[in-house]
Amino acid sequence: MDNIIEVKNVTKVFRETKALDCVSLQFERGKIHGVIGRNGSGKTVLLKCICGFMTPTSGEVLVNGKKVKPAKAQDNMGIIIETPGFIGGKSGIKNLCYLAALSGKYDKSIAERAMRTVGLDSQSKKPVRKYSLGMRQRLGIAQAIIKDPDLLLLDEPMNGLDNRGVEDMRALFAELREQGKTILLASHSNEDIHMLCDTVVELDNGTIIARIEEEINR
């Protein structure tokens, strides 16, 4: 089995609260993996430890066989965790170009393609502050995929999307899986999990309470 992510005995403590309690998981390359659980179950903390936004109190995380280093941008990884931040007075395309330039890979045509992929008009001059919540979410997904990463970490990526938007993003994520991408999807939506995910893990109070290792029938 070719595992792209390995979580080894990870515990994360905030003062006296264990957000994660000795969690061990493996995620195979080329699939969509679901992480479910109620608010406060540890989903977002798990994703932050995987991408390096947080440092585990104990244990370690490996991505592509390499230990994740805290506070360092991980190569070949697209991330949506919490509300994406943008410059409100700039257009969507200018925001994406600015973010691409920060990574040293500026190319307007790539930013335009990312916007088209998520159903946004790359020629629009509308400032992001006038975007609807759903448009902002689409732009956040465009930001996550702009560098064509092999691994996507998506925390509640359907937030704010209308029914059409949800259908569009489900189709996009399924297409990315067909391209060999790996997606780790945290969601409270059982429908999203059932329709998209190949494997599912359920967290509660920072511990694993259920796993479905075999593929779900979609």
C-alpha atoms as a PDB file:
ATOM      1  CA  MET A   1       0.000   0.000   0.000  1.00  0.00           C
ATOM      2  CA  ASP A   2       1.361   3.425  -1.005  1.00  0.00           C
ATOM      3  CA  ASN A   3       0.583   5.759   1.890  1.00  0.00           C
ATOM      4  CA  ILE A   4       0.993   9.476   1.257  1.00  0.00           C
ATOM      5  CA  ILE A   5       0.219  10.434   4.898  1.00  0.00           C
ATOM      6  CA  GLU A   6       1.186   8.629   8.092  1.00  0.00           C
ATOM      7  CA  VAL A   7       0.008   9.935  11.459  1.00  0.00           C
ATOM      8  CA  LYS A   8       1.897   8.197  14.248  1.00  0.00           C
ATOM      9  CA  ASN A   9       0.633   8.354  17.838  1.00  0.00           C
ATOM     10  CA  VAL A  10      -0.155  12.065  17.585  1.00  0.00           C
ATOM     11  CA  THR A  11      -1.344  13.872  20.700  1.00  0.00           C
ATOM     12  CA  LYS A  12      -2.074  17.594  20.796  1.00  0.00           C
ATOM     13  CA  VAL A  13      -2.721  19.259  24.142  1.00  0.00           C
ATOM     14  CA  PHE A  14      -3.983  22.798  24.728  1.00  0.00           C
ATOM     15  CA  ARG A  15      -3.488  23.570  28.422  1.00  0.00           C
ATOM     16  CA  GLU A  16      -5.443  20.736  30.022  1.00  0.00           C
ATOM     17  CA  THR A  17      -7.482  19.761  26.967  1.00  0.00           C
ATOM     18  CA  LYS A  18      -6.446  16.950  24.621  1.00  0.00           C
ATOM     19  CA  ALA A  19      -7.567  17.960  21.132  1.00  0.00           C
ATOM     20  CA  LEU A  20      -5.985  14.768  19.770  1.00  0.00           C
ATOM     21  CA  ASP A  21      -5.244  11.725  21.906  1.00  0.00           C
ATOM     22  CA  CYS A  22      -2.686   9.253  20.521  1.00  0.00           C
ATOM     23  CA  VAL A  23      -4.145   9.235  16.981  1.00  0.00           C
ATOM     24  CA  SER A  24      -2.573   6.905  14.417  1.00  0.00           C
ATOM     25  CA  LEU A  25      -3.778   6.894  10.809  1.00  0.00           C
ATOM     26  CA  GLN A  26      -2.593   6.079   7.304  1.00  0.00           C
ATOM     27  CA  PHE A  27      -3.981   7.568   4.108  1.00  0.00           C
ATOM     28  CA  GLU A  28      -3.369   5.879   0.796  1.00  0.00           C
ATOM     29  CA  ARG A  29      -2.327   7.835  -2.258  1.00  0.00           C
ATOM     30  CA  GLY A  30      -4.854   8.498  -5.045  1.00  0.00           C
ATOM     31  CA  LYS A  31      -8.033   8.350  -2.956  1.00  0.00           C
ATOM     32  CA  ILE A  32     -10.453  10.687  -1.223  1.00  0.00           C
ATOM     33  CA  HIS A  33     -10.346  10.133   2.527  1.00  0.00           C
ATOM     34  CA  GLY A  34     -13.058  11.498   4.779  1.00  0.00           C
ATOM     35  CA  VAL A  35     -12.678  12.728   8.343  1.00  0.00           C
ATOM     36  CA  ILE A  36     -15.968  13.261  10.151  1.00  0.00           C
ATOM     37  CA  GLY A  37     -16.991  14.317  13.627  1.00  0.00           C
ATOM     38  CA  ARG A  38     -18.938  16.954  15.488  1.00  0.00           C
ATOM     39  CA  ASN A  39     -17.525  20.411  16.247  1.00  0.00           C
ATOM     40  CA  GLY A  40     -14.591  20.077  18.615  1.00  0.00           C
ATOM     41  CA  SER A  41     -13.929  16.457  17.686  1.00  0.00           C
ATOM     42  CA  GLY A  42     -10.383  17.190  16.503  1.00  0.00           C
ATOM     43  CA  LYS A  43     -10.848  17.261  12.709  1.00  0.00           C
ATOM     44  CA  THR A  44      -9.330  20.685  12.114  1.00  0.00           C
ATOM     45  CA  VAL A  45      -6.502  20.128  14.594  1.00  0.00           C
ATOM     46  CA  LEU A  46      -5.625  16.888  12.780  1.00  0.00           C
ATOM     47  CA  LEU A  47      -5.433  18.676   9.428  1.00  0.00           C
ATOM     48  CA  LYS A  48      -3.334  21.474  10.935  1.00  0.00           C
ATOM     49  CA  CYS A  49      -0.856  18.942  12.310  1.00  0.00           C
ATOM     50  CA  ILE A  50      -0.647  17.226   8.922  1.00  0.00           C
ATOM     51  CA  CYS A  51       0.102  20.426   7.018  1.00  0.00           C
ATOM     52  CA  GLY A  52       2.473  21.847   9.633  1.00  0.00           C
ATOM     53  CA  PHE A  53       0.279  24.679  10.916  1.00  0.00           C
ATOM     54  CA  MET A  54       0.439  23.067  14.386  1.00  0.00           C
ATOM     55  CA  THR A  55       3.115  21.021  16.123  1.00  0.00           C
ATOM     56  CA  PRO A  56       1.962  17.830  17.868  1.00  0.00           C
ATOM     57  CA  THR A  57       2.632  17.681  21.601  1.00  0.00           C
ATOM     58  CA  SER A  58       3.863  14.152  20.956  1.00  0.00           C
ATOM     59  CA  GLY A  59       4.024  11.777  18.004  1.00  0.00           C
ATOM     60  CA  GLU A  60       4.832  12.659  14.417  1.00  0.00           C
ATOM     61  CA  VAL A  61       3.331  13.105  10.963  1.00  0.00           C
ATOM     62  CA  LEU A  62       4.965  11.944   7.734  1.00  0.00           C
ATOM     63  CA  VAL A  63       3.944  13.185   4.284  1.00  0.00           C
ATOM     64  CA  ASN A  64       5.540  11.408   1.350  1.00  0.00           C
ATOM     65  CA  GLY A  65       7.805   9.674   3.856  1.00  0.00           C
ATOM     66  CA  LYS A  66       9.196  12.916   5.286  1.00  0.00           C
ATOM     67  CA  LYS A  67       8.489  14.285   8.742  1.00  0.00           C
ATOM     68  CA  VAL A  68       6.329  17.394   8.610  1.00  0.00           C
ATOM     69  CA  LYS A  69       8.190  20.462   9.816  1.00  0.00           C
ATOM     70  CA  PRO A  70       6.107  22.997  11.748  1.00  0.00           C
ATOM     71  CA  ALA A  71       5.428  26.480  10.360  1.00  0.00           C
ATOM     72  CA  LYS A  72       6.981  25.534   7.021  1.00  0.00           C
ATOM     73  CA  ALA A  73       5.002  25.462   3.791  1.00  0.00           C
ATOM     74  CA  GLN A  74       4.720  21.860   2.661  1.00  0.00           C
ATOM     75  CA  ASP A  75       5.656  21.093  -0.916  1.00  0.00           C
ATOM     76  CA  ASN A  76       3.019  19.866  -3.328  1.00  0.00           C
ATOM     77  CA  MET A  77       0.110  20.438  -0.940  1.00  0.00           C
ATOM     78  CA  GLY A  78      -3.056  22.516  -1.407  1.00  0.00           C
ATOM     79  CA  ILE A  79      -4.838  23.616   1.751  1.00  0.00           C
ATOM     80  CA  ILE A  80      -8.182  25.034   2.841  1.00  0.00           C
ATOM     81  CA  ILE A  81      -8.429  25.289   6.617  1.00  0.00           C
ATOM     82  CA  GLU A  82     -10.943  27.701   8.101  1.00  0.00           C
ATOM     83  CA  THR A  83     -12.000  30.793   6.131  1.00  0.00           C
ATOM     84  CA  PRO A  84      -9.607  31.634   3.278  1.00  0.00           C
ATOM     85  CA  GLY A  85      -8.112  35.121   3.661  1.00  0.00           C
ATOM     86  CA  PHE A  86      -8.031  37.469   0.694  1.00  0.00           C
ATOM     87  CA  ILE A  87      -7.387  41.137  -0.027  1.00  0.00           C
ATOM     88  CA  GLY A  88     -10.924  42.499  -0.124  1.00  0.00           C
ATOM     89  CA  GLY A  89     -10.215  45.449  -2.399  1.00  0.00           C
ATOM     90  CA  LYS A  90      -8.617  43.334  -5.144  1.00  0.00           C
ATOM     91  CA  SER A  91     -10.261  41.128  -7.757  1.00  0.00           C
ATOM     92  CA  GLY A  92     -10.181  37.358  -7.561  1.00  0.00           C
ATOM     93  CA  ILE A  93      -7.554  37.032 -10.272  1.00  0.00           C
ATOM     94  CA  LYS A  94      -5.318  39.653  -8.632  1.00  0.00           C
ATOM     95  CA  ASN A  95      -5.569  37.809  -5.329  1.00  0.00           C
ATOM     96  CA  LEU A  96      -4.542  34.522  -6.942  1.00  0.00           C
ATOM     97  CA  CYS A  97      -1.696  36.149  -8.880  1.00  0.00           C
ATOM     98  CA  TYR A  98      -0.420  37.763  -5.688  1.00  0.00           C
ATOM     99  CA  LEU A  99      -0.494  34.450  -3.817  1.00  0.00           C
ATOM    100  CA  ALA A 100       1.199  32.683  -6.724  1.00  0.00           C
ATOM    101  CA  ALA A 101       3.930  35.337  -6.791  1.00  0.00           C
ATOM    102  CA  LEU A 102       4.591  34.790  -3.077  1.00  0.00           C
ATOM    103  CA  SER A 103       5.408  31.155  -3.832  1.00  0.00           C
ATOM    104  CA  GLY A 104       7.769  32.187  -6.620  1.00  0.00           C
ATOM    105  CA  LYS A 105       5.611  30.620  -9.325  1.00  0.00           C
ATOM    106  CA  TYR A 106       3.794  33.578 -10.810  1.00  0.00           C
ATOM    107  CA  ASP A 107       1.901  32.807 -13.992  1.00  0.00           C
ATOM    108  CA  LYS A 108      -1.346  34.630 -14.733  1.00  0.00           C
ATOM    109  CA  SER A 109      -2.540  31.930 -17.133  1.00  0.00           C
ATOM    110  CA  ILE A 110      -2.329  29.340 -14.351  1.00  0.00           C
ATOM    111  CA  ALA A 111      -4.352  31.582 -12.044  1.00  0.00           C
ATOM    112  CA  GLU A 112      -6.939  32.128 -14.772  1.00  0.00           C
ATOM    113  CA  ARG A 113      -7.239  28.397 -15.344  1.00  0.00           C
ATOM    114  CA  ALA A 114      -7.716  27.757 -11.623  1.00  0.00           C
ATOM    115  CA  MET A 115     -10.557  30.294 -11.521  1.00  0.00           C
ATOM    116  CA  ARG A 116     -12.258  28.767 -14.552  1.00  0.00           C
ATOM    117  CA  THR A 117     -11.929  25.312 -13.007  1.00  0.00           C
ATOM    118  CA  VAL A 118     -13.976  26.379  -9.983  1.00  0.00           C
ATOM    119  CA  GLY A 119     -16.537  28.264 -12.060  1.00  0.00           C
ATOM    120  CA  LEU A 120     -15.384  31.858 -11.518  1.00  0.00           C
ATOM    121  CA  ASP A 121     -14.892  34.554 -14.162  1.00  0.00           C
ATOM    122  CA  SER A 122     -11.176  35.289 -14.298  1.00  0.00           C
ATOM    123  CA  GLN A 123     -11.852  38.508 -16.248  1.00  0.00           C
ATOM    124  CA  SER A 124     -14.161  39.993 -13.631  1.00  0.00           C
ATOM    125  CA  LYS A 125     -12.876  43.103 -11.871  1.00  0.00           C
ATOM    126  CA  LYS A 126     -15.299  42.710  -8.955  1.00  0.00           C
ATOM    127  CA  PRO A 127     -13.385  43.083  -5.667  1.00  0.00           C
ATOM    128  CA  VAL A 128     -13.422  40.064  -3.394  1.00  0.00           C
ATOM    129  CA  ARG A 129     -15.150  42.068  -0.646  1.00  0.00           C
ATOM    130  CA  LYS A 130     -18.244  42.044  -2.886  1.00  0.00           C
ATOM    131  CA  TYR A 131     -18.097  38.291  -3.430  1.00  0.00           C
ATOM    132  CA  SER A 132     -20.808  36.115  -1.933  1.00  0.00           C
ATOM    133  CA  LEU A 133     -19.736  33.541   0.652  1.00  0.00           C
ATOM    134  CA  GLY A 134     -20.009  30.847  -2.017  1.00  0.00           C
ATOM    135  CA  MET A 135     -17.808  32.789  -4.444  1.00  0.00           C
ATOM    136  CA  ARG A 136     -15.202  33.250  -1.718  1.00  0.00           C
ATOM    137  CA  GLN A 137     -15.252  29.528  -1.072  1.00  0.00           C
ATOM    138  CA  ARG A 138     -14.777  28.794  -4.770  1.00  0.00           C
ATOM    139  CA  LEU A 139     -11.840  31.220  -4.802  1.00  0.00           C
ATOM    140  CA  GLY A 140     -10.374  29.429  -1.802  1.00  0.00           C
ATOM    141  CA  ILE A 141     -10.566  26.133  -3.678  1.00  0.00           C
ATOM    142  CA  ALA A 142      -8.929  27.805  -6.695  1.00  0.00           C
ATOM    143  CA  GLN A 143      -6.117  28.917  -4.387  1.00  0.00           C
ATOM    144  CA  ALA A 144      -5.705  25.337  -3.124  1.00  0.00           C
ATOM    145  CA  ILE A 145      -5.427  23.828  -6.609  1.00  0.00           C
ATOM    146  CA  ILE A 146      -3.482  26.607  -8.366  1.00  0.00           C
ATOM    147  CA  LYS A 147      -0.114  24.835  -8.105  1.00  0.00           C
ATOM    148  CA  ASP A 148      -1.576  21.477  -9.206  1.00  0.00           C
ATOM    149  CA  PRO A 149      -0.666  19.736  -5.921  1.00  0.00           C
ATOM    150  CA  ASP A 150      -0.746  15.974  -5.476  1.00  0.00           C
ATOM    151  CA  LEU A 151      -2.305  16.324  -2.014  1.00  0.00           C
ATOM    152  CA  LEU A 152      -5.274  18.485  -0.962  1.00  0.00           C
ATOM    153  CA  LEU A 153      -6.306  19.067   2.661  1.00  0.00           C
ATOM    154  CA  LEU A 154      -9.827  20.487   2.646  1.00  0.00           C
ATOM    155  CA  ASP A 155     -11.617  21.472   5.844  1.00  0.00           C
ATOM    156  CA  GLU A 156     -15.359  21.919   5.179  1.00  0.00           C
ATOM    157  CA  PRO A 157     -14.806  22.939   1.521  1.00  0.00           C
ATOM    158  CA  MET A 158     -18.560  23.071   0.790  1.00  0.00           C
ATOM    159  CA  ASN A 159     -19.259  25.803   3.368  1.00  0.00           C
ATOM    160  CA  GLY A 160     -21.286  28.650   1.864  1.00  0.00           C
ATOM    161  CA  LEU A 161     -21.907  26.910  -1.459  1.00  0.00           C
ATOM    162  CA  ASP A 162     -25.403  26.639  -2.903  1.00  0.00           C
ATOM    163  CA  ASN A 163     -26.673  23.348  -4.339  1.00  0.00           C
ATOM    164  CA  ARG A 164     -25.133  24.028  -7.741  1.00  0.00           C
ATOM    165  CA  GLY A 165     -21.819  24.928  -6.131  1.00  0.00           C
ATOM    166  CA  VAL A 166     -21.809  21.736  -4.088  1.00  0.00           C
ATOM    167  CA  GLU A 167     -22.478  19.656  -7.199  1.00  0.00           C
ATOM    168  CA  ASP A 168     -19.714  21.466  -9.095  1.00  0.00           C
ATOM    169  CA  MET A 169     -17.133  20.908  -6.346  1.00  0.00           C
ATOM    170  CA  ARG A 170     -18.096  17.262  -5.885  1.00  0.00           C
ATOM    171  CA  ALA A 171     -17.531  16.755  -9.604  1.00  0.00           C
ATOM    172  CA  LEU A 172     -14.196  18.586  -9.409  1.00  0.00           C
ATOM    173  CA  PHE A 173     -12.948  16.528  -6.475  1.00  0.00           C
ATOM    174  CA  ALA A 174     -13.964  13.283  -8.196  1.00  0.00           C
ATOM    175  CA  GLU A 175     -12.112  14.417 -11.321  1.00  0.00           C
ATOM    176  CA  LEU A 176      -8.999  15.233  -9.295  1.00  0.00           C
ATOM    177  CA  ARG A 177      -9.083  11.728  -7.823  1.00  0.00           C
ATOM    178  CA  GLU A 178      -9.246  10.311 -11.344  1.00  0.00           C
ATOM    179  CA  GLN A 179      -6.087  12.316 -12.078  1.00  0.00           C
ATOM    180  CA  GLY A 180      -4.339  10.524  -9.212  1.00  0.00           C
ATOM    181  CA  LYS A 181      -4.617  13.288  -6.623  1.00  0.00           C
ATOM    182  CA  THR A 182      -5.138  12.499  -2.943  1.00  0.00           C
ATOM    183  CA  ILE A 183      -7.768  14.453  -0.997  1.00  0.00           C
ATOM    184  CA  LEU A 184      -8.232  14.534   2.761  1.00  0.00           C
ATOM    185  CA  LEU A 185     -11.713  15.937   3.295  1.00  0.00           C
ATOM    186  CA  ALA A 186     -13.040  17.001   6.686  1.00  0.00           C
ATOM    187  CA  SER A 187     -16.789  17.508   6.630  1.00  0.00           C
ATOM    188  CA  HIS A 188     -19.866  17.418   8.823  1.00  0.00           C
ATOM    189  CA  SER A 189     -21.949  16.433   5.778  1.00  0.00           C
ATOM    190  CA  ASN A 190     -22.741  12.730   5.647  1.00  0.00           C
ATOM    191  CA  GLU A 191     -23.869  13.175   2.050  1.00  0.00           C
ATOM    192  CA  ASP A 192     -20.515  14.593   0.949  1.00  0.00           C
ATOM    193  CA  ILE A 193     -18.696  11.789   2.743  1.00  0.00           C
ATOM    194  CA  HIS A 194     -20.936   9.073   1.287  1.00  0.00           C
ATOM    195  CA  MET A 195     -20.771  10.378  -2.291  1.00  0.00           C
ATOM    196  CA  LEU A 196     -17.064  11.217  -2.455  1.00  0.00           C
ATOM    197  CA  CYS A 197     -14.930   9.291   0.005  1.00  0.00           C
ATOM    198  CA  ASP A 198     -13.173   5.963  -0.412  1.00  0.00           C
ATOM    199  CA  THR A 199     -12.347   5.631   3.286  1.00  0.00           C
ATOM    200  CA  VAL A 200     -13.687   7.356   6.391  1.00  0.00           C
ATOM    201  CA  VAL A 201     -12.455   7.907   9.924  1.00  0.00           C
ATOM    202  CA  GLU A 202     -14.663   9.360  12.657  1.00  0.00           C
ATOM    203  CA  LEU A 203     -13.228  11.394  15.509  1.00  0.00           C
ATOM    204  CA  ASP A 204     -14.792  12.324  18.829  1.00  0.00           C
ATOM    205  CA  ASN A 205     -13.049  14.131  21.690  1.00  0.00           C
ATOM    206  CA  GLY A 206      -9.745  13.727  19.859  1.00  0.00           C
ATOM    207  CA  THR A 207      -9.891   9.954  19.527  1.00  0.00           C
ATOM    208  CA  ILE A 208     -10.788   7.612  16.675  1.00  0.00           C
ATOM    209  CA  ILE A 209     -14.171   6.021  17.319  1.00  0.00           C
ATOM    210  CA  ALA A 210     -14.811   4.433  13.900  1.00  0.00           C
ATOM    211  CA  ARG A 211     -12.977   3.562  10.698  1.00  0.00           C
ATOM    212  CA  ILE A 212     -14.138   2.313   7.335  1.00  0.00           C
ATOM    213  CA  GLU A 213     -11.037   0.947   5.643  1.00  0.00           C
ATOM    214  CA  GLU A 214     -12.714  -0.715   2.688  1.00  0.00           C
ATOM    215  CA  GLU A 215     -14.047   1.443  -0.135  1.00  0.00           C
ATOM    216  CA  ILE A 216     -17.521   2.869   0.246  1.00  0.00           C
ATOM    217  CA  ASN A 217     -19.966   2.121  -2.546  1.00  0.00           C
ATOM    218  CA  ARG A 218     -20.593   5.422  -4.273  1.00  0.00           C
END
